[in-house]
């Protein structure tokens, strides 16, 4: 690696940055390692107070006056550095590195986004609201992965819930963001609106940072005055975000209205169906679902299929528009990813994907035979297409992984690794 630290005035398109003098979470960039493609990016960096950057001249352009000398230096460095291959093998190694990066892309993107969200909440606790650019950067990165392969991203969310029994406020924010983006894509919203949904979902609970932490932890168990106080988090969130200029009104409405209900029973304003932003209703439904399938305090997580049924009942009571609940279920399936099911053949299977047009026929991984014996190699089957072994398989019932002593996470991990 041939690196140089230069003032931003010397930065030009074609250079590859590996470091900036401002923490990445205070900028619109999820990662500081990037190829500079245009002058607009440099201008945006200047606007965020970046004065010095470190460039890698082996991956991008050098300073114009020294490019010839440093090209030779970079080549010499490549031939002796233990971190770099010799020139003849460079193409092959770069290809391998690219594949390796793709292999872990969803895990890396999720981890980076989670770290970024944690920084947002840490800064909020210090009274510093996130910039619209920084929030959009996180959402755009996640949206790109969801657009690329939504099933893989939904699987990553399911894995995180299985591995981490008591999910934090920031984890709930990220998972709500991911699932809201899935629903937004399914609903046919354009990309700018999808980003607003994602930003609103990511920030929907920021008002909780202004409330006592112990109260927030047990928010699902509170009543009376404590519950009334917790319900202020919508207004507090809008007030916090309004301190930073430029936050889109649709994002603020999601934060303000995600607990409003179509029948007027919600809070903080008791709005009716026609008064509530459609985007806020989408995030509200996802928020309820994610809350049900996550363990909080002493309340155990609900099986995803049971949570889907609860959404149906909530819609029947008029709290959510049935069309939006249908949209949500079309997005995640009647049997969401991570569900453990028993088939009519007596076999057990784990749901690893959703057929949006045939919601009762998910993609599954069959793990045990009809006698309870484990398959050495689980069989992957799409219930919506004819099976190679000509068996007609249907879902008989949903099982509780805890009662069946089945580690769903192992099967999802394997699926995720292969999909990458």
Protein backbone atom coordinates (compact mmCIF):
# COMPACT_ATOMS: atom_id res chain seq x y z
CA UNK A 1 0.00 0.00 0.00
CA UNK A 2 1.40 3.43 -1.00
CA UNK A 3 -0.33 6.08 1.11
CA UNK A 4 -0.21 9.87 1.36
CA UNK A 5 -1.92 12.31 3.69
CA UNK A 6 -3.06 15.36 1.75
CA UNK A 7 -5.27 18.42 2.31
CA UNK A 8 -8.73 18.11 0.78
CA UNK A 9 -7.92 20.96 -1.63
CA UNK A 10 -5.59 18.54 -3.42
CA UNK A 11 -8.20 15.78 -3.66
CA UNK A 12 -9.39 15.04 -7.21
CA UNK A 13 -11.72 12.46 -8.83
CA UNK A 14 -9.91 9.18 -9.40
CA UNK A 15 -8.15 9.17 -6.03
CA UNK A 16 -8.87 6.37 -3.54
CA UNK A 17 -9.42 7.49 0.05
CA UNK A 18 -8.70 5.21 3.00
CA UNK A 19 -9.06 7.72 5.87
CA UNK A 20 -10.55 11.13 6.70
CA UNK A 21 -9.89 13.43 9.66
CA UNK A 22 -13.56 13.39 10.74
CA UNK A 23 -15.22 10.28 12.29
CA UNK A 24 -17.23 8.41 9.64
CA UNK A 25 -20.44 8.53 11.66
CA UNK A 26 -20.34 12.36 11.51
CA UNK A 27 -20.27 12.25 7.71
CA UNK A 28 -22.71 11.05 5.02
CA UNK A 29 -20.39 8.13 4.25
CA UNK A 30 -20.88 4.72 5.84
CA UNK A 31 -17.28 3.84 5.01
CA UNK A 32 -14.32 6.17 4.51
CA UNK A 33 -12.62 3.77 2.09
CA UNK A 34 -13.88 4.85 -1.30
CA UNK A 35 -12.93 5.86 -4.82
CA UNK A 36 -13.70 9.52 -5.46
CA UNK A 37 -15.79 9.61 -8.62
CA UNK A 38 -16.92 13.24 -8.91
CA UNK A 39 -16.44 16.80 -7.66
CA UNK A 40 -19.81 16.73 -5.89
CA UNK A 41 -18.47 14.15 -3.42
CA UNK A 42 -15.46 16.35 -2.63
CA UNK A 43 -17.75 19.35 -2.10
CA UNK A 44 -19.92 17.29 0.27
CA UNK A 45 -16.80 16.29 2.23
CA UNK A 46 -15.80 19.93 2.60
CA UNK A 47 -19.30 20.80 3.85
CA UNK A 48 -18.86 18.26 6.65
CA UNK A 49 -15.62 19.81 7.87
CA UNK A 50 -13.17 17.31 6.37
CA UNK A 51 -9.79 19.02 5.92
CA UNK A 52 -7.28 16.17 5.55
CA UNK A 53 -7.53 12.76 3.88
CA UNK A 54 -5.22 9.79 3.36
CA UNK A 55 -5.12 8.35 -0.15
CA UNK A 56 -3.85 4.99 -1.41
CA UNK A 57 -2.04 5.64 -4.70
CA UNK A 58 -1.89 1.93 -5.50
CA UNK A 59 -5.69 1.87 -5.84
CA UNK A 60 -6.28 5.28 -7.36
CA UNK A 61 -4.69 8.40 -8.81
CA UNK A 62 -1.70 10.15 -7.26
CA UNK A 63 -1.00 13.87 -7.03
CA UNK A 64 -0.61 15.05 -10.64
CA UNK A 65 2.93 16.42 -10.25
CA UNK A 66 4.25 13.21 -8.69
CA UNK A 67 2.29 10.50 -10.44
CA UNK A 68 5.14 9.16 -12.55
CA UNK A 69 7.58 8.84 -9.65
CA UNK A 70 5.06 7.31 -7.34
CA UNK A 71 3.78 4.83 -9.92
CA UNK A 72 7.27 3.34 -9.92
CA UNK A 73 7.39 3.48 -6.12
CA UNK A 74 4.01 1.78 -5.86
CA UNK A 75 5.12 -0.99 -8.21
CA UNK A 76 8.30 -1.49 -6.18
CA UNK A 77 6.30 -1.53 -2.99
CA UNK A 78 3.90 -4.12 -4.43
CA UNK A 79 6.75 -6.46 -5.26
CA UNK A 80 8.11 -6.51 -1.69
CA UNK A 81 5.09 -5.89 0.54
CA UNK A 82 3.70 -8.93 2.40
CA UNK A 83 0.27 -7.34 2.13
CA UNK A 84 0.29 -7.25 -1.68
CA UNK A 85 0.75 -9.88 -4.38
CA UNK A 86 3.40 -9.77 -7.07
CA UNK A 87 2.22 -8.14 -10.32
CA UNK A 88 1.63 -11.38 -12.29
CA UNK A 89 -0.80 -12.65 -9.64
CA UNK A 90 -2.50 -9.31 -9.01
CA UNK A 91 -5.55 -9.86 -11.22
CA UNK A 92 -6.23 -13.29 -9.76
CA UNK A 93 -5.83 -12.05 -6.19
CA UNK A 94 -8.06 -9.05 -6.76
CA UNK A 95 -10.72 -11.39 -8.14
CA UNK A 96 -10.42 -13.59 -5.06
CA UNK A 97 -10.65 -10.58 -2.78
CA UNK A 98 -13.77 -9.42 -4.62
CA UNK A 99 -15.43 -12.82 -4.22
CA UNK A 100 -14.47 -12.90 -0.54
CA UNK A 101 -15.99 -9.45 -0.09
CA UNK A 102 -19.22 -10.60 -1.74
CA UNK A 103 -19.28 -13.75 0.36
CA UNK A 104 -19.61 -11.67 3.48
CA UNK A 105 -21.38 -8.61 2.06
CA UNK A 106 -24.68 -8.99 3.88
CA UNK A 107 -23.00 -9.70 7.22
CA UNK A 108 -20.60 -6.80 6.78
CA UNK A 109 -23.30 -4.36 5.67
CA UNK A 110 -25.51 -5.36 8.61
CA UNK A 111 -22.62 -4.99 11.08
CA UNK A 112 -21.58 -1.61 9.64
CA UNK A 113 -25.15 -0.35 9.72
CA UNK A 114 -25.59 -1.57 13.30
CA UNK A 115 -22.42 0.23 14.38
CA UNK A 116 -23.57 3.39 12.61
CA UNK A 117 -26.99 3.28 14.29
CA UNK A 118 -25.36 2.78 17.68
CA UNK A 119 -23.29 5.91 17.08
CA UNK A 120 -26.42 7.84 16.13
CA UNK A 121 -28.08 6.89 19.42
CA UNK A 122 -24.91 7.63 21.41
CA UNK A 123 -24.72 11.08 19.82
CA UNK A 124 -28.43 11.64 20.49
CA UNK A 125 -27.88 10.91 24.17
CA UNK A 126 -25.30 13.69 24.11
CA UNK A 127 -27.87 15.99 22.50
CA UNK A 128 -26.48 15.79 18.95
CA UNK A 129 -29.14 14.83 16.38
CA UNK A 130 -28.05 12.94 13.23
CA UNK A 131 -27.71 14.80 9.95
CA UNK A 132 -30.12 13.85 7.15
CA UNK A 133 -27.07 12.99 5.00
CA UNK A 134 -25.59 10.58 7.57
CA UNK A 135 -28.95 8.86 8.08
CA UNK A 136 -29.54 8.61 4.34
CA UNK A 137 -26.06 7.07 3.87
CA UNK A 138 -26.91 4.22 6.24
CA UNK A 139 -30.32 3.63 4.65
CA UNK A 140 -28.97 3.79 1.08
CA UNK A 141 -26.38 1.14 1.87
CA UNK A 142 -28.99 -1.15 3.45
CA UNK A 143 -31.47 -0.44 0.65
CA UNK A 144 -28.87 -1.45 -1.93
CA UNK A 145 -28.48 -4.83 -0.26
CA UNK A 146 -32.26 -5.31 0.06
CA UNK A 147 -32.73 -4.46 -3.62
CA UNK A 148 -29.92 -6.87 -4.52
CA UNK A 149 -31.33 -9.81 -2.54
CA UNK A 150 -34.10 -9.14 -0.07
CA UNK A 151 -34.30 -12.79 1.02
CA UNK A 152 -30.69 -12.76 2.17
CA UNK A 153 -31.21 -9.55 4.16
CA UNK A 154 -34.39 -10.87 5.80
CA UNK A 155 -32.49 -14.05 6.68
CA UNK A 156 -29.78 -11.93 8.33
CA UNK A 157 -32.45 -10.22 10.48
CA UNK A 158 -33.88 -13.61 11.49
CA UNK A 159 -30.41 -14.88 12.44
CA UNK A 160 -29.75 -11.83 14.63
CA UNK A 161 -32.99 -12.35 16.52
CA UNK A 162 -32.15 -15.99 17.18
CA UNK A 163 -28.58 -15.29 18.31
CA UNK A 164 -29.34 -12.28 20.50
CA UNK A 165 -32.16 -13.01 22.88
CA UNK A 166 -32.76 -9.50 24.24
CA UNK A 167 -32.50 -7.02 21.37
CA UNK A 168 -31.46 -3.43 22.03
CA UNK A 169 -33.22 -0.25 20.96
CA UNK A 170 -30.68 0.24 18.16
CA UNK A 171 -31.10 -3.35 16.92
CA UNK A 172 -34.87 -2.85 16.82
CA UNK A 173 -34.35 0.36 14.85
CA UNK A 174 -32.17 -1.37 12.25
CA UNK A 175 -34.41 -4.44 11.90
CA UNK A 176 -37.49 -2.22 11.57
CA UNK A 177 -35.64 -0.25 8.89
CA UNK A 178 -34.74 -3.39 6.91
CA UNK A 179 -38.23 -4.89 7.05
CA UNK A 180 -39.86 -1.54 6.25
CA UNK A 181 -37.65 -1.27 3.16
CA UNK A 182 -38.75 -4.76 2.10
CA UNK A 183 -42.40 -3.69 2.40
CA UNK A 184 -41.73 -0.37 0.65
CA UNK A 185 -40.18 -2.19 -2.31
CA UNK A 186 -43.06 -4.67 -2.42
CA UNK A 187 -45.55 -1.78 -2.45
CA UNK A 188 -43.93 -0.27 -5.56
CA UNK A 189 -42.79 3.01 -4.01
CA UNK A 190 -40.09 4.88 -5.92
CA UNK A 191 -36.54 4.86 -4.58
CA UNK A 192 -36.53 8.35 -2.97
CA UNK A 193 -39.71 7.38 -1.07
CA UNK A 194 -38.19 4.04 -0.13
CA UNK A 195 -35.27 5.95 1.39
CA UNK A 196 -37.65 8.16 3.37
CA UNK A 197 -39.41 5.06 4.71
CA UNK A 198 -36.04 3.63 5.71
CA UNK A 199 -34.91 6.84 7.40
CA UNK A 200 -38.18 7.18 9.30
CA UNK A 201 -38.01 3.54 10.40
CA UNK A 202 -34.40 3.90 11.50
CA UNK A 203 -35.22 6.98 13.59
CA UNK A 204 -38.77 6.13 14.72
CA UNK A 205 -37.81 5.53 18.36
CA UNK A 206 -35.13 8.20 18.85
CA UNK A 207 -37.37 10.05 21.31
CA UNK A 208 -36.72 7.27 23.84
CA UNK A 209 -33.23 8.69 24.47
CA UNK A 210 -34.89 11.60 26.33
CA UNK A 211 -36.68 9.20 28.72
CA UNK A 212 -35.33 7.19 31.70
CA UNK A 213 -33.43 4.14 30.42
CA UNK A 214 -34.96 1.71 32.92
CA UNK A 215 -38.42 2.81 31.85
CA UNK A 216 -37.60 2.25 28.18
CA UNK A 217 -36.29 -1.28 28.89
CA UNK A 218 -39.61 -2.36 30.40
CA UNK A 219 -41.79 -0.34 28.01
CA UNK A 220 -43.96 -3.32 27.04
CA UNK A 221 -44.89 -3.91 30.68
CA UNK A 222 -45.71 -0.34 31.71
CA UNK A 223 -49.11 1.12 32.55
CA UNK A 224 -50.58 4.27 34.05
CA UNK A 225 -48.31 7.29 34.33
CA UNK A 226 -45.27 5.38 33.09
CA UNK A 227 -47.11 4.42 29.90
CA UNK A 228 -48.29 8.01 29.40
CA UNK A 229 -44.71 9.21 29.76
CA UNK A 230 -43.41 6.63 27.29
CA UNK A 231 -46.00 7.73 24.73
CA UNK A 232 -44.27 11.09 24.60
CA UNK A 233 -41.35 9.53 22.69
CA UNK A 234 -43.01 10.33 19.35
CA UNK A 235 -43.15 14.07 20.04
CA UNK A 236 -39.72 14.03 21.68
CA UNK A 237 -38.27 12.31 18.63
CA UNK A 238 -39.66 14.93 16.25
CA UNK A 239 -38.36 17.72 18.50
CA UNK A 240 -34.89 16.14 18.55
CA UNK A 241 -34.69 15.63 14.80
CA UNK A 242 -36.06 19.11 14.07
CA UNK A 243 -32.95 20.57 15.74
CA UNK A 244 -31.02 19.43 12.65
CA UNK A 245 -32.11 21.34 9.51
CA UNK A 246 -33.05 19.48 6.35
CA UNK A 247 -34.84 16.39 7.69
CA UNK A 248 -37.61 15.53 5.20
CA UNK A 249 -41.16 16.11 6.43
CA UNK A 250 -42.17 12.56 5.47
CA UNK A 251 -39.44 11.23 7.79
CA UNK A 252 -40.67 13.45 10.63
CA UNK A 253 -44.25 12.29 10.05
CA UNK A 254 -43.17 8.66 10.38
CA UNK A 255 -41.50 9.45 13.71
CA UNK A 256 -44.56 11.42 14.86
CA UNK A 257 -47.31 9.05 13.60
CA UNK A 258 -45.97 5.46 13.73
CA UNK A 259 -48.09 4.75 16.83
CA UNK A 260 -51.27 6.26 15.39
CA UNK A 261 -53.96 3.72 14.45
CA UNK A 262 -56.59 3.73 11.71
CA UNK A 263 -59.47 3.50 14.22
CA UNK A 264 -58.22 6.53 16.19
CA UNK A 265 -57.01 4.47 19.16
CA UNK A 266 -53.34 5.36 18.75
CA UNK A 267 -51.14 8.13 20.10
CA UNK A 268 -50.00 10.86 20.44
CA UNK A 269 -52.82 12.65 18.56
CA UNK A 270 -55.49 9.95 18.11
CA UNK A 271 -55.52 10.44 14.34
CA UNK A 272 -57.83 8.46 12.06
CA UNK A 273 -56.95 6.44 8.97
CA UNK A 274 -57.08 9.25 6.40
CA UNK A 275 -55.04 11.55 8.63
CA UNK A 276 -52.09 9.17 9.07
CA UNK A 277 -49.24 9.14 6.59
CA UNK A 278 -49.22 5.92 4.57
CA UNK A 279 -45.48 5.67 5.16
CA UNK A 280 -46.02 5.99 8.90
CA UNK A 281 -48.63 3.22 8.75
CA UNK A 282 -46.16 0.91 6.99
CA UNK A 283 -43.50 1.54 9.64
CA UNK A 284 -46.13 1.21 12.38
CA UNK A 285 -47.11 -2.27 11.20
CA UNK A 286 -43.48 -3.38 10.92
CA UNK A 287 -42.74 -1.88 14.35
CA UNK A 288 -45.53 -3.97 15.91
CA UNK A 289 -44.39 -7.13 14.13
CA UNK A 290 -40.73 -6.71 15.04
CA UNK A 291 -41.71 -6.03 18.64
CA UNK A 292 -43.72 -9.26 18.78
CA UNK A 293 -40.94 -11.47 17.36
CA UNK A 294 -38.27 -9.93 19.62
CA UNK A 295 -37.70 -10.82 23.26
CA UNK A 296 -38.04 -7.81 25.53
CA UNK A 297 -37.37 -8.01 29.24
CA UNK A 298 -39.33 -10.90 30.69
CA UNK A 299 -41.59 -11.23 27.63
CA UNK A 300 -40.48 -14.04 25.31
CA UNK A 301 -40.34 -13.63 21.54
CA UNK A 302 -43.39 -14.78 19.60
CA UNK A 303 -43.09 -17.36 16.83
CA UNK A 304 -43.12 -15.37 13.52
CA UNK A 305 -46.19 -17.21 12.18
CA UNK A 306 -48.11 -16.37 15.37
CA UNK A 307 -47.09 -12.73 14.98
CA UNK A 308 -48.47 -12.76 11.43
CA UNK A 309 -51.78 -14.08 12.76
CA UNK A 310 -51.81 -11.32 15.36
CA UNK A 311 -51.38 -8.75 12.59
CA UNK A 312 -54.46 -10.22 10.89
CA UNK A 313 -56.45 -9.86 14.12
CA UNK A 314 -55.23 -6.29 14.67
CA UNK A 315 -56.37 -5.43 11.14
CA UNK A 316 -59.73 -7.12 11.78
CA UNK A 317 -60.19 -4.83 14.79
CA UNK A 318 -59.63 -1.85 12.50
CA UNK A 319 -56.34 -0.63 13.96
CA UNK A 320 -54.47 -1.12 10.69
CA UNK A 321 -55.68 -0.90 7.10
CA UNK A 322 -56.20 -4.48 5.88
CA UNK A 323 -54.55 -3.65 2.55
CA UNK A 324 -51.33 -2.62 4.32
CA UNK A 325 -51.31 -5.70 6.54
CA UNK A 326 -51.80 -7.81 3.41
CA UNK A 327 -48.85 -5.98 1.87
CA UNK A 328 -46.73 -6.72 4.94
CA UNK A 329 -47.62 -10.42 4.88
CA UNK A 330 -47.00 -10.63 1.14
CA UNK A 331 -43.54 -9.24 1.88
CA UNK A 332 -42.54 -11.57 4.74
CA UNK A 333 -44.86 -14.53 4.06
CA UNK A 334 -47.47 -16.37 6.10
CA UNK A 335 -44.56 -18.53 7.23
CA UNK A 336 -41.72 -16.00 7.62
CA UNK A 337 -38.06 -16.91 7.20
CA UNK A 338 -36.87 -18.86 10.24
CA UNK A 339 -40.21 -20.60 10.87
CA UNK A 340 -40.02 -24.29 11.84
CA UNK A 341 -42.77 -26.30 10.16
CA UNK A 342 -44.05 -29.86 9.91
CA UNK A 343 -45.06 -31.10 6.48
CA UNK A 344 -47.89 -33.43 5.51
CA UNK A 345 -45.19 -36.07 4.88
CA UNK A 346 -44.18 -35.99 8.55
CA UNK A 347 -40.90 -34.26 7.71
CA UNK A 348 -39.65 -31.16 9.55
CA UNK A 349 -38.36 -28.13 7.68
CA UNK A 350 -37.08 -24.61 8.19
CA UNK A 351 -38.46 -21.78 6.05
CA UNK A 352 -35.60 -20.11 4.17
CA UNK A 353 -37.50 -18.00 1.64
CA UNK A 354 -40.87 -16.58 0.64
CA UNK A 355 -42.98 -16.91 -2.52
CA UNK A 356 -44.73 -13.54 -2.69
CA UNK A 357 -47.39 -14.85 -5.11
CA UNK A 358 -48.02 -18.12 -3.23
CA UNK A 359 -47.63 -17.24 0.43
CA UNK A 360 -48.65 -20.67 1.69
CA UNK A 361 -45.83 -22.31 -0.30
CA UNK A 362 -42.49 -21.02 0.98
CA UNK A 363 -38.94 -22.10 0.13
CA UNK A 364 -37.89 -24.62 2.75
CA UNK A 365 -34.97 -26.71 3.92
CA UNK A 366 -36.15 -30.19 5.03
CA UNK A 367 -34.04 -31.24 8.01
CA UNK A 368 -35.63 -34.48 9.29
CA UNK A 369 -37.44 -37.42 7.72
CA UNK A 370 -40.93 -38.65 8.62
CA UNK A 371 -39.49 -40.75 11.49
CA UNK A 372 -37.60 -37.85 13.07
CA UNK A 373 -34.18 -38.86 11.73
CA UNK A 374 -31.92 -36.04 10.55
CA UNK A 375 -30.99 -35.81 6.88
CA UNK A 376 -27.20 -35.84 6.46
CA UNK A 377 -27.69 -33.14 3.84
CA UNK A 378 -30.90 -31.10 4.29
CA UNK A 379 -33.13 -31.03 1.20
CA UNK A 380 -34.04 -27.63 -0.23
CA UNK A 381 -37.49 -27.51 -1.79
CA UNK A 382 -39.66 -24.79 -3.28
CA UNK A 383 -43.19 -25.79 -2.31
CA UNK A 384 -44.53 -23.74 -5.22
CA UNK A 385 -42.83 -25.96 -7.81
CA UNK A 386 -42.94 -29.73 -8.40
CA UNK A 387 -40.49 -31.63 -6.19
CA UNK A 388 -37.71 -33.67 -7.88
CA UNK A 389 -38.74 -36.73 -5.85
CA UNK A 390 -42.37 -36.21 -6.97
CA UNK A 391 -43.66 -35.93 -3.40
CA UNK A 392 -46.51 -33.45 -2.93
CA UNK A 393 -45.55 -31.50 0.17
CA UNK A 394 -47.70 -28.98 2.03
CA UNK A 395 -47.34 -27.22 5.38
CA UNK A 396 -49.26 -29.11 8.07
CA UNK A 397 -48.47 -26.95 11.08
CA UNK A 398 -45.98 -24.57 12.63
CA UNK A 399 -43.72 -25.83 15.42
CA UNK A 400 -42.01 -24.08 18.32
CA UNK A 401 -38.22 -24.46 17.88
CA UNK A 402 -37.69 -24.27 21.65
CA UNK A 403 -40.07 -27.16 22.33
CA UNK A 404 -38.63 -29.18 19.43
CA UNK A 405 -35.06 -28.32 20.52
CA UNK A 406 -34.11 -27.23 17.03
CA UNK A 407 -31.38 -24.64 16.45
CA UNK A 408 -32.85 -22.62 13.59
CA UNK A 409 -29.80 -20.37 13.48
CA UNK A 410 -27.51 -23.14 12.20
CA UNK A 411 -29.73 -23.82 9.18
CA UNK A 412 -30.12 -20.11 8.37
CA UNK A 413 -26.37 -19.54 8.71
CA UNK A 414 -25.71 -22.31 6.20
CA UNK A 415 -28.30 -20.91 3.80
CA UNK A 416 -26.84 -17.41 4.10
CA UNK A 417 -23.28 -18.63 3.46
CA UNK A 418 -24.32 -20.52 0.34
CA UNK A 419 -26.47 -17.66 -0.98
CA UNK A 420 -23.58 -15.25 -0.71
